[in-house]
Amino acid sequence: MTLPVEVHTALQGWPEADTQEQAFVFLTVDEHDFPHVGLLSRAEIHPADDEVLVAVSGTTTRANLRRAGQATLVVVVADTAHYLKLRAVDSREGEGFTVVAFRVAHHKADSVGIPLRPVSFRTSSDLARFEHWERHREALLEFARRR
């Protein structure tokens, strides 16, 4: 399934320093069958036509993906919440993170016409260093080139 254009647009690019950015809700299922929530920035996501590449650092999220191989990504654009059910098709281990290639198994655009505000955060150069954005981005782009 191809990524919807508005979702592709929302995910592409790189967070600029000192700006407000969307934090993308990334859900996996833990070993007790409960949802596990992670938040990703655009520095940890690379959209392609029919795939989404994600760099995941959290140990629980990584374990959930190894065990179940699926996730849900929430992307908010204007008055629509897009729910992408993802199935892992490939992965590569990095130092302290995993890059995973997902195919979109299902997409739902959920809207009643009311403007939405996504979960967001303020970027900073300290945050980018702390979360290793540059290292994740390089791994995502290298992984994308090899696919």
Protein backbone atom coordinates (compact mmCIF):
# COMPACT_ATOMS: atom_id res chain seq x y z
CA MET A 1 0.00 0.00 0.00
CA THR A 2 1.36 3.43 -0.94
CA LEU A 3 1.66 6.10 1.73
CA PRO A 4 -1.01 8.80 1.37
CA VAL A 5 0.55 12.01 -0.01
CA GLU A 6 -0.35 14.10 3.05
CA VAL A 7 1.25 11.52 5.37
CA HIS A 8 4.38 11.30 3.22
CA THR A 9 4.65 15.10 3.28
CA ALA A 10 4.19 15.29 7.06
CA LEU A 11 6.93 12.69 7.65
CA GLN A 12 9.57 13.91 5.24
CA GLY A 13 12.23 16.45 6.04
CA TRP A 14 14.36 17.20 9.03
CA PRO A 15 13.49 18.99 12.30
CA GLU A 16 14.98 22.48 12.41
CA ALA A 17 16.55 23.76 15.64
CA ASP A 18 14.34 25.78 17.98
CA THR A 19 11.01 25.06 16.27
CA GLN A 20 7.77 23.35 17.22
CA GLU A 21 7.61 19.84 15.73
CA GLN A 22 5.05 17.06 15.69
CA ALA A 23 5.87 14.07 17.88
CA PHE A 24 4.52 11.01 16.09
CA VAL A 25 2.82 8.43 18.31
CA PHE A 26 4.29 4.99 17.65
CA LEU A 27 2.47 2.06 19.24
CA THR A 28 3.69 -1.49 19.71
CA VAL A 29 2.27 -4.34 21.80
CA ASP A 30 4.16 -5.50 24.89
CA GLU A 31 4.64 -9.07 26.13
CA HIS A 32 1.40 -8.78 28.16
CA ASP A 33 -0.63 -7.68 25.09
CA PHE A 34 -0.91 -4.05 26.26
CA PRO A 35 -0.18 -1.08 24.00
CA HIS A 36 3.26 0.43 24.46
CA VAL A 37 3.62 4.08 23.42
CA GLY A 38 6.71 5.67 21.93
CA LEU A 39 7.14 9.11 20.42
CA LEU A 40 9.21 9.67 17.28
CA SER A 41 10.43 12.78 15.52
CA ARG A 42 11.01 13.26 11.80
CA ALA A 43 14.70 12.64 12.55
CA GLU A 44 13.72 9.02 13.29
CA ILE A 45 11.38 8.43 10.33
CA HIS A 46 12.04 8.20 6.60
CA PRO A 47 9.00 7.85 4.31
CA ALA A 48 9.16 6.02 0.99
CA ASP A 49 6.39 5.34 -1.53
CA ASP A 50 5.35 2.01 -0.09
CA GLU A 51 7.42 1.81 3.10
CA VAL A 52 8.18 3.71 6.26
CA LEU A 53 11.67 3.38 7.74
CA VAL A 54 11.95 4.01 11.47
CA ALA A 55 14.96 4.27 13.79
CA VAL A 56 13.94 2.97 17.22
CA SER A 57 16.07 3.43 20.34
CA GLY A 58 13.77 2.37 23.17
CA THR A 59 14.61 -1.10 24.46
CA THR A 60 10.97 -2.03 25.13
CA THR A 61 9.85 -0.87 21.69
CA ARG A 62 12.72 -2.74 20.06
CA ALA A 63 11.85 -5.94 21.97
CA ASN A 64 8.18 -5.58 21.01
CA LEU A 65 9.10 -5.20 17.34
CA ARG A 66 11.43 -8.22 17.42
CA ARG A 67 8.68 -10.31 19.00
CA ALA A 68 5.61 -9.12 17.07
CA GLY A 69 6.94 -7.31 13.99
CA GLN A 70 4.13 -4.78 13.86
CA ALA A 71 3.30 -1.28 15.01
CA THR A 72 0.86 1.58 14.53
CA LEU A 73 1.99 5.09 13.61
CA VAL A 74 -0.28 8.10 14.19
CA VAL A 75 0.22 11.14 11.96
CA VAL A 76 -1.96 14.24 12.43
CA VAL A 77 -2.49 16.56 9.45
CA ALA A 78 -4.91 19.51 9.81
CA ASP A 79 -8.27 17.96 10.79
CA THR A 80 -7.33 14.33 10.15
CA ALA A 81 -5.63 11.68 12.27
CA HIS A 82 -4.00 9.07 10.05
CA TYR A 83 -3.56 5.62 11.61
CA LEU A 84 -1.02 3.46 9.80
CA LYS A 85 -0.87 -0.20 10.74
CA LEU A 86 2.67 -1.31 9.91
CA ARG A 87 4.27 -4.70 9.34
CA ALA A 88 8.06 -5.05 9.65
CA VAL A 89 9.71 -6.45 6.52
CA ASP A 90 13.40 -5.84 7.24
CA SER A 91 15.66 -4.46 9.97
CA ARG A 92 19.25 -3.58 10.74
CA GLU A 93 20.85 -3.19 14.14
CA GLY A 94 22.79 -0.03 14.92
CA GLU A 95 24.68 1.02 18.02
CA GLY A 96 21.88 1.42 20.57
CA PHE A 97 19.07 1.49 18.02
CA THR A 98 17.38 -0.57 15.31
CA VAL A 99 16.31 0.63 11.88
CA VAL A 100 13.13 -1.12 10.73
CA ALA A 101 11.49 -1.07 7.30
CA PHE A 102 7.71 -1.33 7.49
CA ARG A 103 5.06 -1.92 4.83
CA VAL A 104 1.73 -0.22 5.41
CA ALA A 105 -0.77 -3.02 6.03
CA HIS A 106 -3.71 -0.68 6.59
CA HIS A 107 -4.39 3.06 6.61
CA LYS A 108 -7.35 4.86 8.14
CA ALA A 109 -7.95 8.60 7.79
CA ASP A 110 -10.10 9.65 10.75
CA SER A 111 -11.78 13.07 10.62
CA VAL A 112 -14.95 14.85 11.59
CA GLY A 113 -13.72 18.18 10.21
CA ILE A 114 -12.47 19.63 13.50
CA PRO A 115 -8.95 21.10 13.42
CA LEU A 116 -6.56 18.93 15.46
CA ARG A 117 -3.35 19.75 17.28
CA PRO A 118 -0.85 16.92 17.24
CA VAL A 119 1.39 16.04 20.14
CA SER A 120 4.31 18.40 19.69
CA PHE A 121 7.63 19.39 21.20
CA ARG A 122 10.20 22.16 20.96
CA THR A 123 13.41 21.15 19.22
CA SER A 124 16.88 22.13 20.38
CA SER A 125 20.44 21.28 19.48
CA ASP A 126 20.81 19.68 22.93
CA LEU A 127 17.83 17.40 22.28
CA ALA A 128 19.19 16.46 18.84
CA ARG A 129 22.53 15.47 20.42
CA PHE A 130 20.92 13.65 23.35
CA GLU A 131 18.68 11.59 21.05
CA HIS A 132 21.40 11.04 18.41
CA TRP A 133 19.28 12.43 15.57
CA GLU A 134 22.18 12.75 13.16
CA ARG A 135 23.27 9.14 13.69
CA HIS A 136 19.69 7.88 13.25
CA ARG A 137 19.17 9.96 10.12
CA GLU A 138 22.39 8.69 8.55
CA ALA A 139 21.37 5.08 9.32
CA LEU A 140 17.89 5.65 7.85
CA LEU A 141 19.24 7.15 4.63
CA GLU A 142 21.87 4.42 4.24
CA PHE A 143 19.24 1.73 4.86
CA ALA A 144 16.94 3.38 2.28
CA ARG A 145 19.74 3.44 -0.33
CA ARG A 146 20.38 -0.29 0.14
CA ARG A 147 16.73 -1.32 -0.18
